[in-house]
Amino acid sequence: SNKMPELIKPMMKTMRACGHTVIICSGPTMSKIDSELAALGYSIHHHYDFIVSVVDFLADNGVKFRYDEKGYPWTDDDTWFCSKGMIAAKFNVDIVIDDSQEYQQYMPENVAFWLWS
């Protein structure tokens, strides 16, 4: 997260040190997420274990996108916002920390949602 990295980075490192798996799930493609994380000083196996791209996940599940003038993929809100709940279920996630409240309603019942704002 680029919001309060001075708080989230140590929390991620501590969670990993305690044996938890830390997954970064973000909207862009995997390559875009990689470059954004590197620019913010995050590194794999130090801050997180792996990345899941929402765009790639949805494309792998047959979702068709429309593209805007900048080449960014778009789909309907329900499909987009339910994606992180589907990803949480697939990877048996216990806690989702996100800066968008819209994802909360789509989380499985056993997943805690923490709004990071």
PDB file of N, CA and C in Angstrom:
ATOM      1  N   SER A   1       0.836  -1.191   0.000  1.00  0.00           N
ATOM      2  CA  SER A   1       0.000   0.000   0.000  1.00  0.00           C
ATOM      3  C   SER A   1       0.868   1.237   0.000  1.00  0.00           C
ATOM      4  N   ASN A   2       0.457   2.238  -0.761  1.00  0.00           N
ATOM      5  CA  ASN A   2       1.174   3.501  -0.729  1.00  0.00           C
ATOM      6  C   ASN A   2       0.588   4.429   0.327  1.00  0.00           C
ATOM      7  N   LYS A   3      -0.424   3.951   1.069  1.00  0.00           N
ATOM      8  CA  LYS A   3      -0.983   4.719   2.174  1.00  0.00           C
ATOM      9  C   LYS A   3      -0.302   4.280   3.458  1.00  0.00           C
ATOM     10  N   MET A   4       0.412   5.180   4.079  1.00  0.00           N
ATOM     11  CA  MET A   4       1.110   4.946   5.345  1.00  0.00           C
ATOM     12  C   MET A   4       2.046   3.736   5.296  1.00  0.00           C
ATOM     13  N   PRO A   5       2.990   3.725   4.348  1.00  0.00           N
ATOM     14  CA  PRO A   5       3.908   2.581   4.255  1.00  0.00           C
ATOM     15  C   PRO A   5       4.737   2.396   5.530  1.00  0.00           C
ATOM     16  N   GLU A   6       4.936   3.458   6.287  1.00  0.00           N
ATOM     17  CA  GLU A   6       5.696   3.339   7.536  1.00  0.00           C
ATOM     18  C   GLU A   6       4.982   2.457   8.559  1.00  0.00           C
ATOM     19  N   LEU A   7       3.684   2.255   8.393  1.00  0.00           N
ATOM     20  CA  LEU A   7       2.925   1.362   9.270  1.00  0.00           C
ATOM     21  C   LEU A   7       2.722  -0.020   8.647  1.00  0.00           C
ATOM     22  N   ILE A   8       2.391  -0.057   7.373  1.00  0.00           N
ATOM     23  CA  ILE A   8       2.039  -1.332   6.744  1.00  0.00           C
ATOM     24  C   ILE A   8       3.262  -2.212   6.505  1.00  0.00           C
ATOM     25  N   LYS A   9       4.401  -1.616   6.140  1.00  0.00           N
ATOM     26  CA  LYS A   9       5.596  -2.421   5.874  1.00  0.00           C
ATOM     27  C   LYS A   9       6.035  -3.226   7.100  1.00  0.00           C
ATOM     28  N   PRO A  10       6.192  -2.590   8.265  1.00  0.00           N
ATOM     29  CA  PRO A  10       6.579  -3.386   9.443  1.00  0.00           C
ATOM     30  C   PRO A  10       5.524  -4.426   9.826  1.00  0.00           C
ATOM     31  N   MET A  11       4.249  -4.107   9.613  1.00  0.00           N
ATOM     32  CA  MET A  11       3.194  -5.059   9.922  1.00  0.00           C
ATOM     33  C   MET A  11       3.310  -6.285   9.015  1.00  0.00           C
ATOM     34  N   MET A  12       3.575  -6.063   7.746  1.00  0.00           N
ATOM     35  CA  MET A  12       3.728  -7.168   6.809  1.00  0.00           C
ATOM     36  C   MET A  12       4.930  -8.033   7.193  1.00  0.00           C
ATOM     37  N   LYS A  13       6.036  -7.407   7.521  1.00  0.00           N
ATOM     38  CA  LYS A  13       7.237  -8.148   7.916  1.00  0.00           C
ATOM     39  C   LYS A  13       6.978  -8.960   9.184  1.00  0.00           C
ATOM     40  N   THR A  14       6.275  -8.374  10.135  1.00  0.00           N
ATOM     41  CA  THR A  14       5.963  -9.068  11.388  1.00  0.00           C
ATOM     42  C   THR A  14       5.047 -10.260  11.135  1.00  0.00           C
ATOM     43  N   MET A  15       4.046 -10.075  10.297  1.00  0.00           N
ATOM     44  CA  MET A  15       3.134 -11.173   9.979  1.00  0.00           C
ATOM     45  C   MET A  15       3.902 -12.335   9.347  1.00  0.00           C
ATOM     46  N   ARG A  16       4.806 -12.031   8.445  1.00  0.00           N
ATOM     47  CA  ARG A  16       5.618 -13.085   7.811  1.00  0.00           C
ATOM     48  C   ARG A  16       6.525 -13.745   8.848  1.00  0.00           C
ATOM     49  N   ALA A  17       7.124 -12.947   9.731  1.00  0.00           N
ATOM     50  CA  ALA A  17       8.021 -13.495  10.757  1.00  0.00           C
ATOM     51  C   ALA A  17       7.272 -14.428  11.712  1.00  0.00           C
ATOM     52  N   CYS A  18       5.986 -14.192  11.880  1.00  0.00           N
ATOM     53  CA  CYS A  18       5.155 -15.047  12.746  1.00  0.00           C
ATOM     54  C   CYS A  18       4.603 -16.257  11.991  1.00  0.00           C
ATOM     55  N   GLY A  19       5.000 -16.435  10.757  1.00  0.00           N
ATOM     56  CA  GLY A  19       4.604 -17.611  10.000  1.00  0.00           C
ATOM     57  C   GLY A  19       3.380 -17.453   9.125  1.00  0.00           C
ATOM     58  N   HIS A  20       2.847 -16.250   9.019  1.00  0.00           N
ATOM     59  CA  HIS A  20       1.680 -16.009   8.175  1.00  0.00           C
ATOM     60  C   HIS A  20       2.111 -15.766   6.733  1.00  0.00           C
ATOM     61  N   THR A  21       1.261 -16.112   5.807  1.00  0.00           N
ATOM     62  CA  THR A  21       1.492 -15.828   4.397  1.00  0.00           C
ATOM     63  C   THR A  21       0.866 -14.482   4.082  1.00  0.00           C
ATOM     64  N   VAL A  22       1.634 -13.604   3.473  1.00  0.00           N
ATOM     65  CA  VAL A  22       1.150 -12.277   3.098  1.00  0.00           C
ATOM     66  C   VAL A  22       1.016 -12.238   1.579  1.00  0.00           C
ATOM     67  N   ILE A  23      -0.203 -11.968   1.130  1.00  0.00           N
ATOM     68  CA  ILE A  23      -0.510 -11.901  -0.298  1.00  0.00           C
ATOM     69  C   ILE A  23      -0.880 -10.459  -0.637  1.00  0.00           C
ATOM     70  N   ILE A  24      -0.314  -9.945  -1.693  1.00  0.00           N
ATOM     71  CA  ILE A  24      -0.734  -8.638  -2.193  1.00  0.00           C
ATOM     72  C   ILE A  24      -1.665  -8.891  -3.365  1.00  0.00           C
ATOM     73  N   CYS A  25      -2.858  -8.350  -3.260  1.00  0.00           N
ATOM     74  CA  CYS A  25      -3.868  -8.492  -4.305  1.00  0.00           C
ATOM     75  C   CYS A  25      -4.237  -7.089  -4.762  1.00  0.00           C
ATOM     76  N   SER A  26      -3.995  -6.808  -6.039  1.00  0.00           N
ATOM     77  CA  SER A  26      -4.239  -5.471  -6.565  1.00  0.00           C
ATOM     78  C   SER A  26      -4.808  -5.572  -7.968  1.00  0.00           C
ATOM     79  N   GLY A  27      -5.396  -4.495  -8.426  1.00  0.00           N
ATOM     80  CA  GLY A  27      -6.104  -4.487  -9.693  1.00  0.00           C
ATOM     81  C   GLY A  27      -5.279  -4.651 -10.949  1.00  0.00           C
ATOM     82  N   PRO A  28      -4.134  -3.975 -11.079  1.00  0.00           N
ATOM     83  CA  PRO A  28      -3.396  -4.028 -12.343  1.00  0.00           C
ATOM     84  C   PRO A  28      -2.844  -5.415 -12.682  1.00  0.00           C
ATOM     85  N   THR A  29      -2.219  -5.494 -13.847  1.00  0.00           N
ATOM     86  CA  THR A  29      -1.558  -6.735 -14.244  1.00  0.00           C
ATOM     87  C   THR A  29      -0.379  -7.008 -13.315  1.00  0.00           C
ATOM     88  N   MET A  30       0.074  -8.249 -13.316  1.00  0.00           N
ATOM     89  CA  MET A  30       1.176  -8.658 -12.458  1.00  0.00           C
ATOM     90  C   MET A  30       2.429  -7.805 -12.676  1.00  0.00           C
ATOM     91  N   SER A  31       2.781  -7.539 -13.927  1.00  0.00           N
ATOM     92  CA  SER A  31       3.992  -6.763 -14.201  1.00  0.00           C
ATOM     93  C   SER A  31       3.876  -5.337 -13.675  1.00  0.00           C
ATOM     94  N   LYS A  32       2.689  -4.749 -13.792  1.00  0.00           N
ATOM     95  CA  LYS A  32       2.463  -3.389 -13.278  1.00  0.00           C
ATOM     96  C   LYS A  32       2.562  -3.379 -11.748  1.00  0.00           C
ATOM     97  N   ILE A  33       1.974  -4.373 -11.101  1.00  0.00           N
ATOM     98  CA  ILE A  33       2.046  -4.454  -9.635  1.00  0.00           C
ATOM     99  C   ILE A  33       3.496  -4.607  -9.195  1.00  0.00           C
ATOM    100  N   ASP A  34       4.248  -5.488  -9.873  1.00  0.00           N
ATOM    101  CA  ASP A  34       5.667  -5.690  -9.548  1.00  0.00           C
ATOM    102  C   ASP A  34       6.435  -4.376  -9.577  1.00  0.00           C
ATOM    103  N   SER A  35       6.258  -3.615 -10.639  1.00  0.00           N
ATOM    104  CA  SER A  35       7.005  -2.362 -10.765  1.00  0.00           C
ATOM    105  C   SER A  35       6.554  -1.333  -9.729  1.00  0.00           C
ATOM    106  N   GLU A  36       5.245  -1.276  -9.439  1.00  0.00           N
ATOM    107  CA  GLU A  36       4.751  -0.345  -8.422  1.00  0.00           C
ATOM    108  C   GLU A  36       5.297  -0.698  -7.042  1.00  0.00           C
ATOM    109  N   LEU A  37       5.312  -1.986  -6.707  1.00  0.00           N
ATOM    110  CA  LEU A  37       5.827  -2.407  -5.411  1.00  0.00           C
ATOM    111  C   LEU A  37       7.317  -2.105  -5.277  1.00  0.00           C
ATOM    112  N   ALA A  38       8.076  -2.382  -6.326  1.00  0.00           N
ATOM    113  CA  ALA A  38       9.515  -2.099  -6.298  1.00  0.00           C
ATOM    114  C   ALA A  38       9.767  -0.609  -6.094  1.00  0.00           C
ATOM    115  N   ALA A  39       8.992   0.231  -6.775  1.00  0.00           N
ATOM    116  CA  ALA A  39       9.149   1.679  -6.638  1.00  0.00           C
ATOM    117  C   ALA A  39       8.834   2.155  -5.223  1.00  0.00           C
ATOM    118  N   LEU A  40       7.961   1.422  -4.528  1.00  0.00           N
ATOM    119  CA  LEU A  40       7.592   1.785  -3.151  1.00  0.00           C
ATOM    120  C   LEU A  40       8.497   1.110  -2.110  1.00  0.00           C
ATOM    121  N   GLY A  41       9.448   0.293  -2.560  1.00  0.00           N
ATOM    122  CA  GLY A  41      10.399  -0.335  -1.656  1.00  0.00           C
ATOM    123  C   GLY A  41       9.940  -1.638  -1.026  1.00  0.00           C
ATOM    124  N   TYR A  42       8.919  -2.272  -1.607  1.00  0.00           N
ATOM    125  CA  TYR A  42       8.465  -3.570  -1.117  1.00  0.00           C
ATOM    126  C   TYR A  42       9.224  -4.668  -1.858  1.00  0.00           C
ATOM    127  N   SER A  43       9.532  -5.758  -1.162  1.00  0.00           N
ATOM    128  CA  SER A  43      10.216  -6.860  -1.831  1.00  0.00           C
ATOM    129  C   SER A  43       9.619  -8.200  -1.410  1.00  0.00           C
ATOM    130  N   ILE A  44       9.594  -9.114  -2.401  1.00  0.00           N
ATOM    131  CA  ILE A  44       9.057 -10.440  -2.163  1.00  0.00           C
ATOM    132  C   ILE A  44       9.940 -11.169  -1.146  1.00  0.00           C
ATOM    133  N   HIS A  45       9.328 -11.995  -0.330  1.00  0.00           N
ATOM    134  CA  HIS A  45       9.967 -12.774   0.734  1.00  0.00           C
ATOM    135  C   HIS A  45      10.522 -11.897   1.850  1.00  0.00           C
ATOM    136  N   HIS A  46      10.304 -10.601   1.763  1.00  0.00           N
ATOM    137  CA  HIS A  46      10.669  -9.690   2.844  1.00  0.00           C
ATOM    138  C   HIS A  46       9.397  -9.050   3.404  1.00  0.00           C
ATOM    139  N   HIS A  47       8.555  -8.547   2.504  1.00  0.00           N
ATOM    140  CA  HIS A  47       7.285  -7.936   2.896  1.00  0.00           C
ATOM    141  C   HIS A  47       6.081  -8.811   2.558  1.00  0.00           C
ATOM    142  N   TYR A  48       6.191  -9.617   1.513  1.00  0.00           N
ATOM    143  CA  TYR A  48       5.050 -10.422   1.065  1.00  0.00           C
ATOM    144  C   TYR A  48       5.548 -11.727   0.444  1.00  0.00           C
ATOM    145  N   ASP A  49       4.618 -12.667   0.301  1.00  0.00           N
ATOM    146  CA  ASP A  49       4.955 -13.979  -0.251  1.00  0.00           C
ATOM    147  C   ASP A  49       4.652 -14.101  -1.738  1.00  0.00           C
ATOM    148  N   PHE A  50       3.528 -13.548  -2.159  1.00  0.00           N
ATOM    149  CA  PHE A  50       3.220 -13.544  -3.582  1.00  0.00           C
ATOM    150  C   PHE A  50       2.148 -12.511  -3.885  1.00  0.00           C
ATOM    151  N   ILE A  51       1.952 -12.302  -5.180  1.00  0.00           N
ATOM    152  CA  ILE A  51       1.021 -11.287  -5.693  1.00  0.00           C
ATOM    153  C   ILE A  51      -0.088 -11.979  -6.476  1.00  0.00           C
ATOM    154  N   VAL A  52      -1.290 -11.420  -6.378  1.00  0.00           N
ATOM    155  CA  VAL A  52      -2.400 -11.838  -7.227  1.00  0.00           C
ATOM    156  C   VAL A  52      -2.938 -10.581  -7.912  1.00  0.00           C
ATOM    157  N   SER A  53      -2.997 -10.626  -9.218  1.00  0.00           N
ATOM    158  CA  SER A  53      -3.543  -9.531 -10.012  1.00  0.00           C
ATOM    159  C   SER A  53      -5.030  -9.779 -10.246  1.00  0.00           C
ATOM    160  N   VAL A  54      -5.864  -8.798  -9.908  1.00  0.00           N
ATOM    161  CA  VAL A  54      -7.303  -8.922 -10.140  1.00  0.00           C
ATOM    162  C   VAL A  54      -7.583  -9.059 -11.638  1.00  0.00           C
ATOM    163  N   VAL A  55      -6.941  -8.233 -12.457  1.00  0.00           N
ATOM    164  CA  VAL A  55      -7.149  -8.289 -13.904  1.00  0.00           C
ATOM    165  C   VAL A  55      -6.790  -9.674 -14.430  1.00  0.00           C
ATOM    166  N   ASP A  56      -5.639 -10.193 -14.033  1.00  0.00           N
ATOM    167  CA  ASP A  56      -5.220 -11.514 -14.508  1.00  0.00           C
ATOM    168  C   ASP A  56      -6.156 -12.603 -13.993  1.00  0.00           C
ATOM    169  N   PHE A  57      -6.556 -12.512 -12.721  1.00  0.00           N
ATOM    170  CA  PHE A  57      -7.465 -13.501 -12.137  1.00  0.00           C
ATOM    171  C   PHE A  57      -8.794 -13.528 -12.893  1.00  0.00           C
ATOM    172  N   LEU A  58      -9.363 -12.355 -13.144  1.00  0.00           N
ATOM    173  CA  LEU A  58     -10.634 -12.294 -13.853  1.00  0.00           C
ATOM    174  C   LEU A  58     -10.498 -12.794 -15.295  1.00  0.00           C
ATOM    175  N   ALA A  59      -9.423 -12.403 -15.970  1.00  0.00           N
ATOM    176  CA  ALA A  59      -9.199 -12.860 -17.348  1.00  0.00           C
ATOM    177  C   ALA A  59      -9.063 -14.381 -17.383  1.00  0.00           C
ATOM    178  N   ASP A  60      -8.346 -14.943 -16.405  1.00  0.00           N
ATOM    179  CA  ASP A  60      -8.188 -16.401 -16.329  1.00  0.00           C
ATOM    180  C   ASP A  60      -9.521 -17.104 -16.078  1.00  0.00           C
ATOM    181  N   ASN A  61     -10.495 -16.358 -15.530  1.00  0.00           N
ATOM    182  CA  ASN A  61     -11.814 -16.920 -15.258  1.00  0.00           C
ATOM    183  C   ASN A  61     -12.847 -16.505 -16.307  1.00  0.00           C
ATOM    184  N   GLY A  62     -12.377 -16.089 -17.466  1.00  0.00           N
ATOM    185  CA  GLY A  62     -13.257 -15.841 -18.606  1.00  0.00           C
ATOM    186  C   GLY A  62     -13.921 -14.485 -18.676  1.00  0.00           C
ATOM    187  N   VAL A  63     -13.548 -13.552 -17.815  1.00  0.00           N
ATOM    188  CA  VAL A  63     -14.158 -12.218 -17.859  1.00  0.00           C
ATOM    189  C   VAL A  63     -13.596 -11.445 -19.052  1.00  0.00           C
ATOM    190  N   LYS A  64     -14.491 -10.841 -19.806  1.00  0.00           N
ATOM    191  CA  LYS A  64     -14.096 -10.011 -20.935  1.00  0.00           C
ATOM    192  C   LYS A  64     -14.053  -8.554 -20.475  1.00  0.00           C
ATOM    193  N   PHE A  65     -13.024  -7.843 -20.883  1.00  0.00           N
ATOM    194  CA  PHE A  65     -12.847  -6.448 -20.494  1.00  0.00           C
ATOM    195  C   PHE A  65     -13.100  -5.525 -21.667  1.00  0.00           C
ATOM    196  N   ARG A  66     -13.490  -4.306 -21.341  1.00  0.00           N
ATOM    197  CA  ARG A  66     -13.459  -3.234 -22.324  1.00  0.00           C
ATOM    198  C   ARG A  66     -12.274  -2.352 -21.906  1.00  0.00           C
ATOM    199  N   TYR A  67     -11.680  -1.655 -22.844  1.00  0.00           N
ATOM    200  CA  TYR A  67     -10.477  -0.872 -22.555  1.00  0.00           C
ATOM    201  C   TYR A  67     -10.735   0.599 -22.830  1.00  0.00           C
ATOM    202  N   ASP A  68     -10.267   1.453 -21.918  1.00  0.00           N
ATOM    203  CA  ASP A  68     -10.442   2.892 -22.113  1.00  0.00           C
ATOM    204  C   ASP A  68      -9.334   3.435 -23.017  1.00  0.00           C
ATOM    205  N   GLU A  69      -9.343   4.739 -23.218  1.00  0.00           N
ATOM    206  CA  GLU A  69      -8.394   5.368 -24.136  1.00  0.00           C
ATOM    207  C   GLU A  69      -6.943   5.237 -23.680  1.00  0.00           C
ATOM    208  N   LYS A  70      -6.715   4.980 -22.401  1.00  0.00           N
ATOM    209  CA  LYS A  70      -5.352   4.790 -21.887  1.00  0.00           C
ATOM    210  C   LYS A  70      -4.946   3.311 -21.879  1.00  0.00           C
ATOM    211  N   GLY A  71      -5.866   2.450 -22.316  1.00  0.00           N
ATOM    212  CA  GLY A  71      -5.568   1.025 -22.371  1.00  0.00           C
ATOM    213  C   GLY A  71      -5.859   0.278 -21.082  1.00  0.00           C
ATOM    214  N   TYR A  72      -6.538   0.939 -20.118  1.00  0.00           N
ATOM    215  CA  TYR A  72      -6.873   0.278 -18.860  1.00  0.00           C
ATOM    216  C   TYR A  72      -8.112  -0.599 -19.020  1.00  0.00           C
ATOM    217  N   PRO A  73      -8.072  -1.815 -18.473  1.00  0.00           N
ATOM    218  CA  PRO A  73      -9.221  -2.710 -18.585  1.00  0.00           C
ATOM    219  C   PRO A  73     -10.336  -2.339 -17.607  1.00  0.00           C
ATOM    220  N   TRP A  74     -11.584  -2.512 -18.056  1.00  0.00           N
ATOM    221  CA  TRP A  74     -12.754  -2.232 -17.227  1.00  0.00           C
ATOM    222  C   TRP A  74     -13.763  -3.363 -17.372  1.00  0.00           C
ATOM    223  N   THR A  75     -14.482  -3.611 -16.285  1.00  0.00           N
ATOM    224  CA  THR A  75     -15.605  -4.531 -16.303  1.00  0.00           C
ATOM    225  C   THR A  75     -16.670  -3.939 -15.381  1.00  0.00           C
ATOM    226  N   ASP A  76     -17.811  -4.594 -15.255  1.00  0.00           N
ATOM    227  CA  ASP A  76     -18.863  -4.045 -14.393  1.00  0.00           C
ATOM    228  C   ASP A  76     -18.431  -4.104 -12.927  1.00  0.00           C
ATOM    229  N   ASP A  77     -19.009  -3.222 -12.111  1.00  0.00           N
ATOM    230  CA  ASP A  77     -18.611  -3.101 -10.705  1.00  0.00           C
ATOM    231  C   ASP A  77     -18.777  -4.392  -9.916  1.00  0.00           C
ATOM    232  N   ASP A  78     -19.892  -5.085 -10.095  1.00  0.00           N
ATOM    233  CA  ASP A  78     -20.099  -6.324  -9.329  1.00  0.00           C
ATOM    234  C   ASP A  78     -19.006  -7.351  -9.619  1.00  0.00           C
ATOM    235  N   THR A  79     -18.672  -7.527 -10.890  1.00  0.00           N
ATOM    236  CA  THR A  79     -17.618  -8.472 -11.255  1.00  0.00           C
ATOM    237  C   THR A  79     -16.292  -8.046 -10.641  1.00  0.00           C
ATOM    238  N   TRP A  80     -15.985  -6.759 -10.734  1.00  0.00           N
ATOM    239  CA  TRP A  80     -14.712  -6.255 -10.201  1.00  0.00           C
ATOM    240  C   TRP A  80     -14.656  -6.406  -8.679  1.00  0.00           C
ATOM    241  N   PHE A  81     -15.670  -5.929  -7.988  1.00  0.00           N
ATOM    242  CA  PHE A  81     -15.611  -5.908  -6.523  1.00  0.00           C
ATOM    243  C   PHE A  81     -15.746  -7.292  -5.893  1.00  0.00           C
ATOM    244  N   CYS A  82     -16.376  -8.227  -6.563  1.00  0.00           N
ATOM    245  CA  CYS A  82     -16.466  -9.572  -5.990  1.00  0.00           C
ATOM    246  C   CYS A  82     -15.167 -10.350  -6.173  1.00  0.00           C
ATOM    247  N   SER A  83     -14.289  -9.862  -7.038  1.00  0.00           N
ATOM    248  CA  SER A  83     -13.056 -10.594  -7.354  1.00  0.00           C
ATOM    249  C   SER A  83     -12.183 -10.846  -6.131  1.00  0.00           C
ATOM    250  N   LYS A  84     -12.013  -9.863  -5.271  1.00  0.00           N
ATOM    251  CA  LYS A  84     -11.131 -10.074  -4.115  1.00  0.00           C
ATOM    252  C   LYS A  84     -11.731 -11.066  -3.126  1.00  0.00           C
ATOM    253  N   GLY A  85     -13.048 -11.138  -3.054  1.00  0.00           N
ATOM    254  CA  GLY A  85     -13.682 -12.165  -2.231  1.00  0.00           C
ATOM    255  C   GLY A  85     -13.439 -13.550  -2.802  1.00  0.00           C
ATOM    256  N   MET A  86     -13.504 -13.663  -4.131  1.00  0.00           N
ATOM    257  CA  MET A  86     -13.220 -14.939  -4.790  1.00  0.00           C
ATOM    258  C   MET A  86     -11.758 -15.329  -4.595  1.00  0.00           C
ATOM    259  N   ILE A  87     -10.882 -14.363  -4.683  1.00  0.00           N
ATOM    260  CA  ILE A  87      -9.451 -14.615  -4.473  1.00  0.00           C
ATOM    261  C   ILE A  87      -9.197 -15.007  -3.023  1.00  0.00           C
ATOM    262  N   ALA A  88      -9.848 -14.324  -2.078  1.00  0.00           N
ATOM    263  CA  ALA A  88      -9.706 -14.668  -0.664  1.00  0.00           C
ATOM    264  C   ALA A  88     -10.146 -16.103  -0.412  1.00  0.00           C
ATOM    265  N   ALA A  89     -11.233 -16.522  -1.033  1.00  0.00           N
ATOM    266  CA  ALA A  89     -11.719 -17.896  -0.877  1.00  0.00           C
ATOM    267  C   ALA A  89     -10.732 -18.886  -1.487  1.00  0.00           C
ATOM    268  N   LYS A  90     -10.227 -18.580  -2.666  1.00  0.00           N
ATOM    269  CA  LYS A  90      -9.311 -19.486  -3.361  1.00  0.00           C
ATOM    270  C   LYS A  90      -8.039 -19.736  -2.552  1.00  0.00           C
ATOM    271  N   PHE A  91      -7.523 -18.693  -1.910  1.00  0.00           N
ATOM    272  CA  PHE A  91      -6.254 -18.807  -1.193  1.00  0.00           C
ATOM    273  C   PHE A  91      -6.434 -18.948   0.322  1.00  0.00           C
ATOM    274  N   ASN A  92      -7.671 -19.198   0.784  1.00  0.00           N
ATOM    275  CA  ASN A  92      -7.954 -19.389   2.212  1.00  0.00           C
ATOM    276  C   ASN A  92      -7.432 -18.242   3.080  1.00  0.00           C
ATOM    277  N   VAL A  93      -7.735 -17.039   2.651  1.00  0.00           N
ATOM    278  CA  VAL A  93      -7.292 -15.832   3.354  1.00  0.00           C
ATOM    279  C   VAL A  93      -8.127 -15.641   4.617  1.00  0.00           C
ATOM    280  N   ASP A  94      -7.467 -15.233   5.704  1.00  0.00           N
ATOM    281  CA  ASP A  94      -8.159 -14.963   6.967  1.00  0.00           C
ATOM    282  C   ASP A  94      -8.542 -13.493   7.126  1.00  0.00           C
ATOM    283  N   ILE A  95      -7.645 -12.595   6.680  1.00  0.00           N
ATOM    284  CA  ILE A  95      -7.858 -11.156   6.844  1.00  0.00           C
ATOM    285  C   ILE A  95      -7.559 -10.457   5.523  1.00  0.00           C
ATOM    286  N   VAL A  96      -8.457  -9.587   5.098  1.00  0.00           N
ATOM    287  CA  VAL A  96      -8.223  -8.737   3.934  1.00  0.00           C
ATOM    288  C   VAL A  96      -8.112  -7.306   4.435  1.00  0.00           C
ATOM    289  N   ILE A  97      -7.028  -6.661   4.057  1.00  0.00           N
ATOM    290  CA  ILE A  97      -6.823  -5.249   4.371  1.00  0.00           C
ATOM    291  C   ILE A  97      -6.883  -4.512   3.044  1.00  0.00           C
ATOM    292  N   ASP A  98      -7.818  -3.581   2.919  1.00  0.00           N
ATOM    293  CA  ASP A  98      -8.002  -2.891   1.647  1.00  0.00           C
ATOM    294  C   ASP A  98      -8.441  -1.456   1.909  1.00  0.00           C
ATOM    295  N   ASP A  99      -8.162  -0.584   0.943  1.00  0.00           N
ATOM    296  CA  ASP A  99      -8.553   0.816   1.092  1.00  0.00           C
ATOM    297  C   ASP A  99      -9.871   1.137   0.397  1.00  0.00           C
ATOM    298  N   SER A 100     -10.558   0.119  -0.099  1.00  0.00           N
ATOM    299  CA  SER A 100     -11.853   0.306  -0.753  1.00  0.00           C
ATOM    300  C   SER A 100     -12.933  -0.501  -0.038  1.00  0.00           C
ATOM    301  N   GLN A 101     -13.851   0.185   0.580  1.00  0.00           N
ATOM    302  CA  GLN A 101     -14.952  -0.431   1.331  1.00  0.00           C
ATOM    303  C   GLN A 101     -15.815  -1.338   0.457  1.00  0.00           C
ATOM    304  N   GLU A 102     -15.870  -1.034  -0.853  1.00  0.00           N
ATOM    305  CA  GLU A 102     -16.749  -1.775  -1.759  1.00  0.00           C
ATOM    306  C   GLU A 102     -16.493  -3.274  -1.772  1.00  0.00           C
ATOM    307  N   TYR A 103     -15.272  -3.705  -1.461  1.00  0.00           N
ATOM    308  CA  TYR A 103     -14.943  -5.139  -1.493  1.00  0.00           C
ATOM    309  C   TYR A 103     -15.543  -5.910  -0.314  1.00  0.00           C
ATOM    310  N   GLN A 104     -15.816  -5.230   0.781  1.00  0.00           N
ATOM    311  CA  GLN A 104     -16.228  -5.918   2.011  1.00  0.00           C
ATOM    312  C   GLN A 104     -17.470  -6.788   1.833  1.00  0.00           C
ATOM    313  N   GLN A 105     -18.481  -6.286   1.156  1.00  0.00           N
ATOM    314  CA  GLN A 105     -19.739  -7.039   1.025  1.00  0.00           C
ATOM    315  C   GLN A 105     -19.575  -8.352   0.262  1.00  0.00           C
ATOM    316  N   TYR A 106     -18.479  -8.501  -0.465  1.00  0.00           N
ATOM    317  CA  TYR A 106     -18.258  -9.703  -1.260  1.00  0.00           C
ATOM    318  C   TYR A 106     -17.324 -10.719  -0.584  1.00  0.00           C
ATOM    319  N   MET A 107     -16.869 -10.402   0.631  1.00  0.00           N
ATOM    320  CA  MET A 107     -15.964 -11.309   1.328  1.00  0.00           C
ATOM    321  C   MET A 107     -16.713 -12.520   1.873  1.00  0.00           C
ATOM    322  N   PRO A 108     -16.082 -13.697   1.824  1.00  0.00           N
ATOM    323  CA  PRO A 108     -16.689 -14.863   2.476  1.00  0.00           C
ATOM    324  C   PRO A 108     -16.888 -14.580   3.968  1.00  0.00           C
ATOM    325  N   GLU A 109     -17.840 -15.257   4.582  1.00  0.00           N
ATOM    326  CA  GLU A 109     -18.161 -15.004   5.995  1.00  0.00           C
ATOM    327  C   GLU A 109     -16.980 -15.209   6.931  1.00  0.00           C
ATOM    328  N   ASN A 110     -16.080 -16.109   6.592  1.00  0.00           N
ATOM    329  CA  ASN A 110     -14.960 -16.408   7.482  1.00  0.00           C
ATOM    330  C   ASN A 110     -13.763 -15.477   7.285  1.00  0.00           C
ATOM    331  N   VAL A 111     -13.894 -14.471   6.447  1.00  0.00           N
ATOM    332  CA  VAL A 111     -12.800 -13.537   6.180  1.00  0.00           C
ATOM    333  C   VAL A 111     -13.072 -12.200   6.863  1.00  0.00           C
ATOM    334  N   ALA A 112     -12.125 -11.780   7.700  1.00  0.00           N
ATOM    335  CA  ALA A 112     -12.228 -10.465   8.349  1.00  0.00           C
ATOM    336  C   ALA A 112     -11.793  -9.394   7.347  1.00  0.00           C
ATOM    337  N   PHE A 113     -12.465  -8.264   7.355  1.00  0.00           N
ATOM    338  CA  PHE A 113     -12.146  -7.165   6.444  1.00  0.00           C
ATOM    339  C   PHE A 113     -11.734  -5.954   7.265  1.00  0.00           C
ATOM    340  N   TRP A 114     -10.576  -5.411   6.957  1.00  0.00           N
ATOM    341  CA  TRP A 114     -10.038  -4.242   7.656  1.00  0.00           C
ATOM    342  C   TRP A 114      -9.861  -3.143   6.631  1.00  0.00           C
ATOM    343  N   LEU A 115     -10.615  -2.048   6.807  1.00  0.00           N
ATOM    344  CA  LEU A 115     -10.528  -0.908   5.902  1.00  0.00           C
ATOM    345  C   LEU A 115      -9.278  -0.089   6.250  1.00  0.00           C
ATOM    346  N   TRP A 116      -8.367   0.018   5.297  1.00  0.00           N
ATOM    347  CA  TRP A 116      -7.110   0.752   5.487  1.00  0.00           C
ATOM    348  C   TRP A 116      -7.250   2.077   4.759  1.00  0.00           C
ATOM    349  N   SER A 117      -7.473   3.139   5.523  1.00  0.00           N
ATOM    350  CA  SER A 117      -7.662   4.442   4.868  1.00  0.00           C
ATOM    351  C   SER A 117      -6.909   5.538   5.575  1.00  0.00           C
TER     352      SER A 117
END
